[in-house]
């Protein structure tokens, strides 16, 4: 009985730790950024060489498809 309890406690502890330290980021809050600001930032990224023309085109289309 004591071994079973110890094993269960260890398994539970490992399960809890498995969720810690992951690389997943969840944003609980919200921010409001206008499409114009996003498009300006996107154009700046293209001009500075941070993204390719193809990436720019894809991201711009995605921004434009979103509702205001």
C-alpha atoms as a PDB file:
ATOM      1  CA  UNK A   1       0.000   0.000   0.000  1.00  0.00           C
ATOM      2  CA  UNK A   2       2.768   2.445   0.922  1.00  0.00           C
ATOM      3  CA  UNK A   3       4.663   1.720  -2.323  1.00  0.00           C
ATOM      4  CA  UNK A   4       1.510   2.264  -4.384  1.00  0.00           C
ATOM      5  CA  UNK A   5       0.866   5.581  -2.649  1.00  0.00           C
ATOM      6  CA  UNK A   6       4.475   6.662  -3.214  1.00  0.00           C
ATOM      7  CA  UNK A   7       4.345   5.695  -6.888  1.00  0.00           C
ATOM      8  CA  UNK A   8       1.043   7.528  -7.373  1.00  0.00           C
ATOM      9  CA  UNK A   9       2.395  10.627  -5.612  1.00  0.00           C
ATOM     10  CA  UNK A  10       5.525  10.563  -7.777  1.00  0.00           C
ATOM     11  CA  UNK A  11       3.486  10.138 -10.969  1.00  0.00           C
ATOM     12  CA  UNK A  12       1.195  12.997  -9.982  1.00  0.00           C
ATOM     13  CA  UNK A  13       4.183  15.239  -9.210  1.00  0.00           C
ATOM     14  CA  UNK A  14       5.766  14.456 -12.570  1.00  0.00           C
ATOM     15  CA  UNK A  15       2.505  15.168 -14.362  1.00  0.00           C
ATOM     16  CA  UNK A  16       2.311  18.574 -12.687  1.00  0.00           C
ATOM     17  CA  UNK A  17       5.914  19.374 -13.562  1.00  0.00           C
ATOM     18  CA  UNK A  18       5.415  18.347 -17.181  1.00  0.00           C
ATOM     19  CA  UNK A  19       3.247  21.415 -17.713  1.00  0.00           C
ATOM     20  CA  UNK A  20       5.851  23.808 -16.336  1.00  0.00           C
ATOM     21  CA  UNK A  21       8.501  25.486 -18.406  1.00  0.00           C
ATOM     22  CA  UNK A  22       7.037  24.809 -21.806  1.00  0.00           C
ATOM     23  CA  UNK A  23       7.603  27.136 -24.703  1.00  0.00           C
ATOM     24  CA  UNK A  24       3.909  27.835 -25.177  1.00  0.00           C
ATOM     25  CA  UNK A  25       2.811  31.404 -24.509  1.00  0.00           C
ATOM     26  CA  UNK A  26      -0.792  32.181 -23.705  1.00  0.00           C
ATOM     27  CA  UNK A  27      -1.872  35.804 -23.739  1.00  0.00           C
ATOM     28  CA  UNK A  28      -4.581  36.238 -21.138  1.00  0.00           C
ATOM     29  CA  UNK A  29      -5.082  39.937 -21.830  1.00  0.00           C
ATOM     30  CA  UNK A  30      -5.890  41.730 -24.990  1.00  0.00           C
ATOM     31  CA  UNK A  31      -4.363  44.593 -26.857  1.00  0.00           C
ATOM     32  CA  UNK A  32      -5.770  46.741 -29.573  1.00  0.00           C
ATOM     33  CA  UNK A  33      -3.544  47.518 -32.524  1.00  0.00           C
ATOM     34  CA  UNK A  34      -5.057  49.035 -35.625  1.00  0.00           C
ATOM     35  CA  UNK A  35      -4.650  47.446 -39.019  1.00  0.00           C
ATOM     36  CA  UNK A  36      -2.833  50.587 -40.092  1.00  0.00           C
ATOM     37  CA  UNK A  37      -0.245  50.159 -37.352  1.00  0.00           C
ATOM     38  CA  UNK A  38       0.197  46.486 -38.205  1.00  0.00           C
ATOM     39  CA  UNK A  39       0.624  47.283 -41.890  1.00  0.00           C
ATOM     40  CA  UNK A  40       3.124  50.049 -41.109  1.00  0.00           C
ATOM     41  CA  UNK A  41       5.138  47.682 -38.923  1.00  0.00           C
ATOM     42  CA  UNK A  42       4.940  45.008 -41.589  1.00  0.00           C
ATOM     43  CA  UNK A  43       6.205  47.421 -44.263  1.00  0.00           C
ATOM     44  CA  UNK A  44       9.050  48.449 -41.975  1.00  0.00           C
ATOM     45  CA  UNK A  45      10.003  44.791 -41.472  1.00  0.00           C
ATOM     46  CA  UNK A  46      10.078  44.312 -45.253  1.00  0.00           C
ATOM     47  CA  UNK A  47      12.133  47.468 -45.819  1.00  0.00           C
ATOM     48  CA  UNK A  48      14.657  46.421 -43.167  1.00  0.00           C
ATOM     49  CA  UNK A  49      14.997  42.927 -44.616  1.00  0.00           C
ATOM     50  CA  UNK A  50      13.504  41.186 -41.598  1.00  0.00           C
ATOM     51  CA  UNK A  51      10.953  39.405 -43.806  1.00  0.00           C
ATOM     52  CA  UNK A  52      10.822  38.454 -47.473  1.00  0.00           C
ATOM     53  CA  UNK A  53       8.399  39.838 -50.042  1.00  0.00           C
ATOM     54  CA  UNK A  54       6.529  36.532 -49.971  1.00  0.00           C
ATOM     55  CA  UNK A  55       6.160  36.687 -46.180  1.00  0.00           C
ATOM     56  CA  UNK A  56       5.043  40.303 -46.451  1.00  0.00           C
ATOM     57  CA  UNK A  57       2.392  39.438 -49.032  1.00  0.00           C
ATOM     58  CA  UNK A  58       1.056  36.521 -46.968  1.00  0.00           C
ATOM     59  CA  UNK A  59       0.949  38.480 -43.721  1.00  0.00           C
ATOM     60  CA  UNK A  60      -0.591  41.540 -45.361  1.00  0.00           C
ATOM     61  CA  UNK A  61      -3.351  39.388 -46.874  1.00  0.00           C
ATOM     62  CA  UNK A  62      -4.005  37.788 -43.486  1.00  0.00           C
ATOM     63  CA  UNK A  63      -4.245  41.206 -41.790  1.00  0.00           C
ATOM     64  CA  UNK A  64      -6.588  42.523 -44.465  1.00  0.00           C
ATOM     65  CA  UNK A  65      -8.916  39.498 -44.166  1.00  0.00           C
ATOM     66  CA  UNK A  66      -9.444  40.047 -40.444  1.00  0.00           C
ATOM     67  CA  UNK A  67     -12.466  42.026 -39.294  1.00  0.00           C
ATOM     68  CA  UNK A  68     -11.752  45.454 -37.875  1.00  0.00           C
END
